[in-house]
């Protein structure tokens, strides 16, 4: 999968974790701080690094709704 020039520019100018937190914040109408906390919590539950979760969100191989869904 190739990224558009606009996507590449965004990734160059802002860190992937910030972009991922912004995606979560926009999806759930929560603050970026809360979005970051949710990203970290999801990573912890799934035994993954937060950076890996952020990367998957930005690459759209993981949906924001999956990260935001309550764990059961």
Protein backbone atom coordinates (compact mmCIF):
# COMPACT_ATOMS: atom_id res chain seq x y z
CA UNK A 1 0.00 0.00 0.00
CA UNK A 2 1.41 3.37 -0.95
CA UNK A 3 0.65 6.59 0.86
CA UNK A 4 -0.42 9.79 -0.80
CA UNK A 5 1.97 12.75 -0.77
CA UNK A 6 -0.33 14.48 1.74
CA UNK A 7 -0.14 11.48 4.07
CA UNK A 8 3.63 11.35 3.77
CA UNK A 9 3.88 15.07 4.55
CA UNK A 10 1.67 14.66 7.62
CA UNK A 11 3.75 11.77 8.88
CA UNK A 12 6.93 13.75 8.36
CA UNK A 13 5.71 16.79 10.26
CA UNK A 14 3.95 15.08 13.16
CA UNK A 15 4.61 11.92 15.11
CA UNK A 16 2.57 8.84 14.38
CA UNK A 17 1.35 8.57 18.01
CA UNK A 18 -0.01 12.12 17.83
CA UNK A 19 -1.79 11.38 14.56
CA UNK A 20 -3.26 8.16 15.97
CA UNK A 21 -4.43 9.94 19.13
CA UNK A 22 -6.03 12.59 16.93
CA UNK A 23 -7.86 9.91 14.97
CA UNK A 24 -9.20 8.40 18.19
CA UNK A 25 -10.13 11.81 19.59
CA UNK A 26 -12.03 12.72 16.44
CA UNK A 27 -13.82 9.38 16.32
CA UNK A 28 -14.98 9.44 19.94
CA UNK A 29 -15.19 13.21 20.58
CA UNK A 30 -12.69 12.94 23.43
CA UNK A 31 -9.60 14.94 24.30
CA UNK A 32 -6.25 14.00 22.78
CA UNK A 33 -5.02 13.15 26.29
CA UNK A 34 -7.91 10.71 26.81
CA UNK A 35 -7.30 9.28 23.34
CA UNK A 36 -3.64 8.67 24.21
CA UNK A 37 -4.68 6.95 27.43
CA UNK A 38 -7.09 4.72 25.52
CA UNK A 39 -4.40 3.86 22.98
CA UNK A 40 -1.99 2.88 25.75
CA UNK A 41 -4.66 0.85 27.57
CA UNK A 42 -5.51 -1.05 24.39
CA UNK A 43 -1.83 -1.77 23.79
CA UNK A 44 -1.40 -3.01 27.36
CA UNK A 45 -4.41 -5.36 27.17
CA UNK A 46 -3.23 -6.76 23.83
CA UNK A 47 0.42 -7.06 24.90
CA UNK A 48 1.64 -4.73 22.18
CA UNK A 49 3.68 -1.56 22.14
CA UNK A 50 1.68 1.68 21.93
CA UNK A 51 3.81 2.66 18.93
CA UNK A 52 2.68 -0.50 17.11
CA UNK A 53 -0.97 0.30 17.81
CA UNK A 54 -0.47 3.89 16.65
CA UNK A 55 1.19 2.68 13.46
CA UNK A 56 -1.66 0.24 12.77
CA UNK A 57 -4.22 3.02 13.26
CA UNK A 58 -2.44 5.41 10.90
CA UNK A 59 -1.96 2.69 8.29
CA UNK A 60 -5.65 1.79 8.72
CA UNK A 61 -4.99 -1.86 9.51
CA UNK A 62 -6.70 -1.32 12.88
CA UNK A 63 -9.91 0.65 13.22
CA UNK A 64 -10.34 3.41 15.79
CA UNK A 65 -13.59 1.74 16.90
CA UNK A 66 -11.64 -1.41 17.82
CA UNK A 67 -9.35 0.58 20.08
CA UNK A 68 -12.20 2.55 21.60
CA UNK A 69 -14.51 -0.43 22.24
CA UNK A 70 -14.75 -1.49 25.87
CA UNK A 71 -12.85 -4.67 26.66
CA UNK A 72 -15.00 -7.61 27.72
